[in-house]
Amino acid sequence: MTGLRRTHHCRPHSARGVLDRCPSLRVLHVPFSEQLTEVSLGLLPELCPNLRELNLNGCRNVSRSCIDTLGHLLPDLAVREQQ
């Protein structure tokens, strides 16, 4: 699997389950996922090292510093975010 979309109701424990099984994931769209946490996003560099596109539109529980850290750890990652 190289892309995952329409995960509006993604919870932290389910995010780990999906990411564990998708090491080749390149595109992840999780807009308006209010259950998504910075802890879940912190798994991305380790579990999805090939991630290139991340849509976080409307994800209010994700800080600017978390996005900056992801950008540092995954330098080819393009993050789309609007609060």
PDB file of N, CA and C in Angstrom:
ATOM      1  N   MET A   1       0.851  -1.172   0.000  1.00  0.00           N
ATOM      2  CA  MET A   1       0.000   0.000   0.000  1.00  0.00           C
ATOM      3  C   MET A   1       0.894   1.231   0.000  1.00  0.00           C
ATOM      4  N   THR A   2       0.612   2.160  -0.893  1.00  0.00           N
ATOM      5  CA  THR A   2       1.409   3.382  -0.938  1.00  0.00           C
ATOM      6  C   THR A   2       0.625   4.615  -0.532  1.00  0.00           C
ATOM      7  N   GLY A   3      -0.691   4.501  -0.373  1.00  0.00           N
ATOM      8  CA  GLY A   3      -1.494   5.659   0.013  1.00  0.00           C
ATOM      9  C   GLY A   3      -2.652   5.259   0.897  1.00  0.00           C
ATOM     10  N   LEU A   4      -3.024   6.155   1.789  1.00  0.00           N
ATOM     11  CA  LEU A   4      -4.144   5.910   2.690  1.00  0.00           C
ATOM     12  C   LEU A   4      -4.920   7.204   2.826  1.00  0.00           C
ATOM     13  N   ARG A   5      -6.221   7.128   2.549  1.00  0.00           N
ATOM     14  CA  ARG A   5      -7.090   8.295   2.624  1.00  0.00           C
ATOM     15  C   ARG A   5      -8.368   7.957   3.378  1.00  0.00           C
ATOM     16  N   ARG A   6      -9.089   9.004   3.734  1.00  0.00           N
ATOM     17  CA  ARG A   6     -10.391   8.878   4.391  1.00  0.00           C
ATOM     18  C   ARG A   6     -10.309   8.126   5.715  1.00  0.00           C
ATOM     19  N   THR A   7      -9.436   8.589   6.539  1.00  0.00           N
ATOM     20  CA  THR A   7      -9.274   7.998   7.866  1.00  0.00           C
ATOM     21  C   THR A   7      -9.752   8.988   8.927  1.00  0.00           C
ATOM     22  N   HIS A   8     -10.945   9.521   8.735  1.00  0.00           N
ATOM     23  CA  HIS A   8     -11.473  10.577   9.606  1.00  0.00           C
ATOM     24  C   HIS A   8     -11.580  10.171  11.074  1.00  0.00           C
ATOM     25  N   HIS A   9     -11.773   8.912  11.345  1.00  0.00           N
ATOM     26  CA  HIS A   9     -12.000   8.479  12.720  1.00  0.00           C
ATOM     27  C   HIS A   9     -10.829   7.671  13.256  1.00  0.00           C
ATOM     28  N   CYS A  10      -9.651   8.038  12.845  1.00  0.00           N
ATOM     29  CA  CYS A  10      -8.439   7.335  13.242  1.00  0.00           C
ATOM     30  C   CYS A  10      -8.131   7.619  14.712  1.00  0.00           C
ATOM     31  N   ARG A  11      -8.001   6.566  15.493  1.00  0.00           N
ATOM     32  CA  ARG A  11      -7.646   6.705  16.905  1.00  0.00           C
ATOM     33  C   ARG A  11      -6.209   6.246  17.092  1.00  0.00           C
ATOM     34  N   PRO A  12      -5.566   6.667  18.172  1.00  0.00           N
ATOM     35  CA  PRO A  12      -4.146   6.337  18.357  1.00  0.00           C
ATOM     36  C   PRO A  12      -3.823   4.849  18.239  1.00  0.00           C
ATOM     37  N   HIS A  13      -4.604   3.993  18.875  1.00  0.00           N
ATOM     38  CA  HIS A  13      -4.299   2.553  18.818  1.00  0.00           C
ATOM     39  C   HIS A  13      -4.521   1.988  17.420  1.00  0.00           C
ATOM     40  N   SER A  14      -5.508   2.482  16.701  1.00  0.00           N
ATOM     41  CA  SER A  14      -5.734   1.988  15.341  1.00  0.00           C
ATOM     42  C   SER A  14      -4.689   2.538  14.385  1.00  0.00           C
ATOM     43  N   ALA A  15      -4.185   3.753  14.652  1.00  0.00           N
ATOM     44  CA  ALA A  15      -3.127   4.321  13.812  1.00  0.00           C
ATOM     45  C   ALA A  15      -1.889   3.434  13.870  1.00  0.00           C
ATOM     46  N   ARG A  16      -1.526   2.996  15.036  1.00  0.00           N
ATOM     47  CA  ARG A  16      -0.349   2.119  15.188  1.00  0.00           C
ATOM     48  C   ARG A  16      -0.548   0.827  14.402  1.00  0.00           C
ATOM     49  N   GLY A  17      -1.735   0.246  14.485  1.00  0.00           N
ATOM     50  CA  GLY A  17      -2.020  -0.994  13.764  1.00  0.00           C
ATOM     51  C   GLY A  17      -1.892  -0.834  12.262  1.00  0.00           C
ATOM     52  N   VAL A  18      -2.361   0.282  11.741  1.00  0.00           N
ATOM     53  CA  VAL A  18      -2.275   0.537  10.303  1.00  0.00           C
ATOM     54  C   VAL A  18      -0.831   0.796   9.910  1.00  0.00           C
ATOM     55  N   LEU A  19      -0.150   1.657  10.636  1.00  0.00           N
ATOM     56  CA  LEU A  19       1.224   2.026  10.291  1.00  0.00           C
ATOM     57  C   LEU A  19       2.179   0.836  10.381  1.00  0.00           C
ATOM     58  N   ASP A  20       1.949  -0.054  11.323  1.00  0.00           N
ATOM     59  CA  ASP A  20       2.785  -1.254  11.448  1.00  0.00           C
ATOM     60  C   ASP A  20       2.755  -2.102  10.182  1.00  0.00           C
ATOM     61  N   ARG A  21       1.635  -2.068   9.502  1.00  0.00           N
ATOM     62  CA  ARG A  21       1.441  -2.927   8.332  1.00  0.00           C
ATOM     63  C   ARG A  21       1.729  -2.231   7.003  1.00  0.00           C
ATOM     64  N   CYS A  22       2.155  -0.982   7.042  1.00  0.00           N
ATOM     65  CA  CYS A  22       2.338  -0.201   5.813  1.00  0.00           C
ATOM     66  C   CYS A  22       3.697   0.492   5.771  1.00  0.00           C
ATOM     67  N   PRO A  23       4.783  -0.246   5.807  1.00  0.00           N
ATOM     68  CA  PRO A  23       6.095   0.406   5.817  1.00  0.00           C
ATOM     69  C   PRO A  23       6.412   1.154   4.521  1.00  0.00           C
ATOM     70  N   SER A  24       5.716   0.856   3.440  1.00  0.00           N
ATOM     71  CA  SER A  24       5.959   1.523   2.155  1.00  0.00           C
ATOM     72  C   SER A  24       5.040   2.715   1.927  1.00  0.00           C
ATOM     73  N   LEU A  25       4.259   3.065   2.941  1.00  0.00           N
ATOM     74  CA  LEU A  25       3.292   4.154   2.808  1.00  0.00           C
ATOM     75  C   LEU A  25       3.990   5.442   2.381  1.00  0.00           C
ATOM     76  N   ARG A  26       3.455   6.077   1.335  1.00  0.00           N
ATOM     77  CA  ARG A  26       4.028   7.324   0.828  1.00  0.00           C
ATOM     78  C   ARG A  26       3.072   8.500   0.980  1.00  0.00           C
ATOM     79  N   VAL A  27       1.761   8.227   1.045  1.00  0.00           N
ATOM     80  CA  VAL A  27       0.749   9.278   1.145  1.00  0.00           C
ATOM     81  C   VAL A  27      -0.206   8.937   2.283  1.00  0.00           C
ATOM     82  N   LEU A  28      -0.404   9.886   3.192  1.00  0.00           N
ATOM     83  CA  LEU A  28      -1.315   9.694   4.313  1.00  0.00           C
ATOM     84  C   LEU A  28      -2.177  10.940   4.455  1.00  0.00           C
ATOM     85  N   HIS A  29      -3.481  10.770   4.283  1.00  0.00           N
ATOM     86  CA  HIS A  29      -4.435  11.866   4.436  1.00  0.00           C
ATOM     87  C   HIS A  29      -5.309  11.562   5.639  1.00  0.00           C
ATOM     88  N   VAL A  30      -5.213  12.399   6.651  1.00  0.00           N
ATOM     89  CA  VAL A  30      -6.004  12.235   7.875  1.00  0.00           C
ATOM     90  C   VAL A  30      -6.670  13.562   8.265  1.00  0.00           C
ATOM     91  N   PRO A  31      -7.360  14.226   7.319  1.00  0.00           N
ATOM     92  CA  PRO A  31      -7.948  15.528   7.643  1.00  0.00           C
ATOM     93  C   PRO A  31      -9.058  15.407   8.682  1.00  0.00           C
ATOM     94  N   PHE A  32      -9.131  16.403   9.534  1.00  0.00           N
ATOM     95  CA  PHE A  32     -10.177  16.531  10.553  1.00  0.00           C
ATOM     96  C   PHE A  32     -10.245  15.322  11.482  1.00  0.00           C
ATOM     97  N   SER A  33      -9.106  14.702  11.724  1.00  0.00           N
ATOM     98  CA  SER A  33      -9.021  13.567  12.648  1.00  0.00           C
ATOM     99  C   SER A  33      -8.752  14.108  14.042  1.00  0.00           C
ATOM    100  N   GLU A  34      -9.802  14.373  14.766  1.00  0.00           N
ATOM    101  CA  GLU A  34      -9.655  14.973  16.087  1.00  0.00           C
ATOM    102  C   GLU A  34      -9.067  14.010  17.110  1.00  0.00           C
ATOM    103  N   GLN A  35      -9.104  12.724  16.837  1.00  0.00           N
ATOM    104  CA  GLN A  35      -8.518  11.740  17.743  1.00  0.00           C
ATOM    105  C   GLN A  35      -7.028  11.537  17.499  1.00  0.00           C
ATOM    106  N   LEU A  36      -6.527  12.063  16.390  1.00  0.00           N
ATOM    107  CA  LEU A  36      -5.116  11.903  16.058  1.00  0.00           C
ATOM    108  C   LEU A  36      -4.265  12.711  17.029  1.00  0.00           C
ATOM    109  N   THR A  37      -3.210  12.095  17.529  1.00  0.00           N
ATOM    110  CA  THR A  37      -2.351  12.766  18.507  1.00  0.00           C
ATOM    111  C   THR A  37      -0.921  12.888  17.983  1.00  0.00           C
ATOM    112  N   GLU A  38      -0.158  13.703  18.658  1.00  0.00           N
ATOM    113  CA  GLU A  38       1.253  13.845  18.317  1.00  0.00           C
ATOM    114  C   GLU A  38       2.014  12.552  18.596  1.00  0.00           C
ATOM    115  N   VAL A  39       1.535  11.766  19.538  1.00  0.00           N
ATOM    116  CA  VAL A  39       2.157  10.465  19.820  1.00  0.00           C
ATOM    117  C   VAL A  39       2.038   9.571  18.588  1.00  0.00           C
ATOM    118  N   SER A  40       0.851   9.527  17.984  1.00  0.00           N
ATOM    119  CA  SER A  40       0.648   8.732  16.773  1.00  0.00           C
ATOM    120  C   SER A  40       1.532   9.226  15.643  1.00  0.00           C
ATOM    121  N   LEU A  41       1.584  10.536  15.461  1.00  0.00           N
ATOM    122  CA  LEU A  41       2.411  11.100  14.389  1.00  0.00           C
ATOM    123  C   LEU A  41       3.893  10.852  14.648  1.00  0.00           C
ATOM    124  N   GLY A  42       4.268  10.754  15.900  1.00  0.00           N
ATOM    125  CA  GLY A  42       5.657  10.484  16.239  1.00  0.00           C
ATOM    126  C   GLY A  42       6.135   9.115  15.774  1.00  0.00           C
ATOM    127  N   LEU A  43       5.192   8.229  15.450  1.00  0.00           N
ATOM    128  CA  LEU A  43       5.539   6.902  14.943  1.00  0.00           C
ATOM    129  C   LEU A  43       5.921   6.926  13.469  1.00  0.00           C
ATOM    130  N   LEU A  44       5.535   7.969  12.765  1.00  0.00           N
ATOM    131  CA  LEU A  44       5.733   8.007  11.313  1.00  0.00           C
ATOM    132  C   LEU A  44       7.181   7.832  10.864  1.00  0.00           C
ATOM    133  N   PRO A  45       8.147   8.550  11.419  1.00  0.00           N
ATOM    134  CA  PRO A  45       9.522   8.380  10.930  1.00  0.00           C
ATOM    135  C   PRO A  45      10.041   6.948  11.045  1.00  0.00           C
ATOM    136  N   GLU A  46       9.675   6.277  12.111  1.00  0.00           N
ATOM    137  CA  GLU A  46      10.138   4.899  12.322  1.00  0.00           C
ATOM    138  C   GLU A  46       9.366   3.900  11.459  1.00  0.00           C
ATOM    139  N   LEU A  47       8.043   4.030  11.430  1.00  0.00           N
ATOM    140  CA  LEU A  47       7.209   3.027  10.764  1.00  0.00           C
ATOM    141  C   LEU A  47       6.959   3.308   9.288  1.00  0.00           C
ATOM    142  N   CYS A  48       7.071   4.557   8.871  1.00  0.00           N
ATOM    143  CA  CYS A  48       6.790   4.944   7.481  1.00  0.00           C
ATOM    144  C   CYS A  48       7.905   5.838   6.945  1.00  0.00           C
ATOM    145  N   PRO A  49       9.106   5.319   6.840  1.00  0.00           N
ATOM    146  CA  PRO A  49      10.238   6.151   6.428  1.00  0.00           C
ATOM    147  C   PRO A  49      10.139   6.678   4.998  1.00  0.00           C
ATOM    148  N   ASN A  50       9.245   6.112   4.190  1.00  0.00           N
ATOM    149  CA  ASN A  50       9.083   6.547   2.797  1.00  0.00           C
ATOM    150  C   ASN A  50       7.956   7.559   2.615  1.00  0.00           C
ATOM    151  N   LEU A  51       7.351   8.005   3.712  1.00  0.00           N
ATOM    152  CA  LEU A  51       6.231   8.938   3.627  1.00  0.00           C
ATOM    153  C   LEU A  51       6.661  10.243   2.965  1.00  0.00           C
ATOM    154  N   ARG A  52       5.884  10.670   1.973  1.00  0.00           N
ATOM    155  CA  ARG A  52       6.210  11.886   1.227  1.00  0.00           C
ATOM    156  C   ARG A  52       5.119  12.955   1.307  1.00  0.00           C
ATOM    157  N   GLU A  53       3.886  12.545   1.607  1.00  0.00           N
ATOM    158  CA  GLU A  53       2.775  13.501   1.651  1.00  0.00           C
ATOM    159  C   GLU A  53       1.889  13.199   2.853  1.00  0.00           C
ATOM    160  N   LEU A  54       1.610  14.234   3.646  1.00  0.00           N
ATOM    161  CA  LEU A  54       0.786  14.097   4.843  1.00  0.00           C
ATOM    162  C   LEU A  54      -0.210  15.247   4.888  1.00  0.00           C
ATOM    163  N   ASN A  55      -1.495  14.926   4.918  1.00  0.00           N
ATOM    164  CA  ASN A  55      -2.550  15.933   4.984  1.00  0.00           C
ATOM    165  C   ASN A  55      -3.105  15.941   6.405  1.00  0.00           C
ATOM    166  N   LEU A  56      -2.902  17.049   7.093  1.00  0.00           N
ATOM    167  CA  LEU A  56      -3.376  17.223   8.465  1.00  0.00           C
ATOM    168  C   LEU A  56      -4.400  18.353   8.582  1.00  0.00           C
ATOM    169  N   ASN A  57      -5.057  18.696   7.480  1.00  0.00           N
ATOM    170  CA  ASN A  57      -6.052  19.775   7.513  1.00  0.00           C
ATOM    171  C   ASN A  57      -7.066  19.523   8.621  1.00  0.00           C
ATOM    172  N   GLY A  58      -7.267  20.514   9.454  1.00  0.00           N
ATOM    173  CA  GLY A  58      -8.278  20.440  10.496  1.00  0.00           C
ATOM    174  C   GLY A  58      -7.916  19.588  11.702  1.00  0.00           C
ATOM    175  N   CYS A  59      -6.694  19.114  11.794  1.00  0.00           N
ATOM    176  CA  CYS A  59      -6.262  18.308  12.949  1.00  0.00           C
ATOM    177  C   CYS A  59      -5.796  19.257  14.049  1.00  0.00           C
ATOM    178  N   ARG A  60      -6.682  19.561  14.972  1.00  0.00           N
ATOM    179  CA  ARG A  60      -6.420  20.579  15.985  1.00  0.00           C
ATOM    180  C   ARG A  60      -5.467  20.139  17.094  1.00  0.00           C
ATOM    181  N   ASN A  61      -5.242  18.842  17.226  1.00  0.00           N
ATOM    182  CA  ASN A  61      -4.399  18.344  18.315  1.00  0.00           C
ATOM    183  C   ASN A  61      -2.936  18.202  17.918  1.00  0.00           C
ATOM    184  N   VAL A  62      -2.571  18.786  16.789  1.00  0.00           N
ATOM    185  CA  VAL A  62      -1.200  18.668  16.288  1.00  0.00           C
ATOM    186  C   VAL A  62      -0.554  20.057  16.311  1.00  0.00           C
ATOM    187  N   SER A  63       0.538  20.170  17.017  1.00  0.00           N
ATOM    188  CA  SER A  63       1.201  21.470  17.166  1.00  0.00           C
ATOM    189  C   SER A  63       2.165  21.746  16.014  1.00  0.00           C
ATOM    190  N   ARG A  64       2.517  22.992  15.885  1.00  0.00           N
ATOM    191  CA  ARG A  64       3.505  23.418  14.887  1.00  0.00           C
ATOM    192  C   ARG A  64       4.844  22.733  15.146  1.00  0.00           C
ATOM    193  N   SER A  65       5.218  22.597  16.412  1.00  0.00           N
ATOM    194  CA  SER A  65       6.500  21.968  16.724  1.00  0.00           C
ATOM    195  C   SER A  65       6.520  20.495  16.318  1.00  0.00           C
ATOM    196  N   CYS A  66       5.400  19.814  16.422  1.00  0.00           N
ATOM    197  CA  CYS A  66       5.312  18.422  15.983  1.00  0.00           C
ATOM    198  C   CYS A  66       5.517  18.338  14.471  1.00  0.00           C
ATOM    199  N   ILE A  67       4.879  19.230  13.727  1.00  0.00           N
ATOM    200  CA  ILE A  67       5.015  19.251  12.269  1.00  0.00           C
ATOM    201  C   ILE A  67       6.457  19.578  11.881  1.00  0.00           C
ATOM    202  N   ASP A  68       7.068  20.526  12.581  1.00  0.00           N
ATOM    203  CA  ASP A  68       8.463  20.875  12.315  1.00  0.00           C
ATOM    204  C   ASP A  68       9.388  19.682  12.569  1.00  0.00           C
ATOM    205  N   THR A  69       9.131  18.955  13.643  1.00  0.00           N
ATOM    206  CA  THR A  69       9.940  17.779  13.957  1.00  0.00           C
ATOM    207  C   THR A  69       9.803  16.708  12.882  1.00  0.00           C
ATOM    208  N   LEU A  70       8.578  16.488  12.419  1.00  0.00           N
ATOM    209  CA  LEU A  70       8.366  15.524  11.332  1.00  0.00           C
ATOM    210  C   LEU A  70       9.138  15.940  10.087  1.00  0.00           C
ATOM    211  N   GLY A  71       9.112  17.236   9.783  1.00  0.00           N
ATOM    212  CA  GLY A  71       9.842  17.745   8.626  1.00  0.00           C
ATOM    213  C   GLY A  71      11.335  17.538   8.743  1.00  0.00           C
ATOM    214  N   HIS A  72      11.832  17.628   9.962  1.00  0.00           N
ATOM    215  CA  HIS A  72      13.267  17.405  10.194  1.00  0.00           C
ATOM    216  C   HIS A  72      13.617  15.918  10.052  1.00  0.00           C
ATOM    217  N   LEU A  73      12.771  15.054  10.596  1.00  0.00           N
ATOM    218  CA  LEU A  73      13.035  13.616  10.569  1.00  0.00           C
ATOM    219  C   LEU A  73      12.729  12.971   9.216  1.00  0.00           C
ATOM    220  N   LEU A  74      11.795  13.564   8.481  1.00  0.00           N
ATOM    221  CA  LEU A  74      11.426  13.075   7.144  1.00  0.00           C
ATOM    222  C   LEU A  74      11.586  14.249   6.177  1.00  0.00           C
ATOM    223  N   PRO A  75      12.803  14.541   5.734  1.00  0.00           N
ATOM    224  CA  PRO A  75      13.057  15.760   4.954  1.00  0.00           C
ATOM    225  C   PRO A  75      12.322  15.843   3.616  1.00  0.00           C
ATOM    226  N   ASP A  76      11.880  14.715   3.056  1.00  0.00           N
ATOM    227  CA  ASP A  76      11.148  14.743   1.789  1.00  0.00           C
ATOM    228  C   ASP A  76       9.637  14.855   1.987  1.00  0.00           C
ATOM    229  N   LEU A  77       9.197  14.999   3.213  1.00  0.00           N
ATOM    230  CA  LEU A  77       7.776  15.050   3.533  1.00  0.00           C
ATOM    231  C   LEU A  77       7.181  16.421   3.262  1.00  0.00           C
ATOM    232  N   ALA A  78       6.057  16.428   2.541  1.00  0.00           N
ATOM    233  CA  ALA A  78       5.271  17.641   2.330  1.00  0.00           C
ATOM    234  C   ALA A  78       4.027  17.529   3.216  1.00  0.00           C
ATOM    235  N   VAL A  79       3.842  18.494   4.098  1.00  0.00           N
ATOM    236  CA  VAL A  79       2.711  18.479   5.022  1.00  0.00           C
ATOM    237  C   VAL A  79       1.725  19.559   4.631  1.00  0.00           C
ATOM    238  N   ARG A  80       0.460  19.170   4.501  1.00  0.00           N
ATOM    239  CA  ARG A  80      -0.616  20.118   4.242  1.00  0.00           C
ATOM    240  C   ARG A  80      -1.396  20.261   5.546  1.00  0.00           C
ATOM    241  N   GLU A  81      -1.505  21.488   6.009  1.00  0.00           N
ATOM    242  CA  GLU A  81      -2.224  21.734   7.272  1.00  0.00           C
ATOM    243  C   GLU A  81      -2.884  23.094   7.231  1.00  0.00           C
ATOM    244  N   GLN A  82      -4.091  23.118   7.701  1.00  0.00           N
ATOM    245  CA  GLN A  82      -4.839  24.357   7.903  1.00  0.00           C
ATOM    246  C   GLN A  82      -5.715  24.128   9.108  1.00  0.00           C
ATOM    247  N   GLN A  83      -5.697  25.062  10.009  1.00  0.00           N
ATOM    248  CA  GLN A  83      -6.538  24.911  11.206  1.00  0.00           C
ATOM    249  C   GLN A  83      -7.826  25.551  10.966  1.00  0.00           C
TER     250      GLN A  83
END
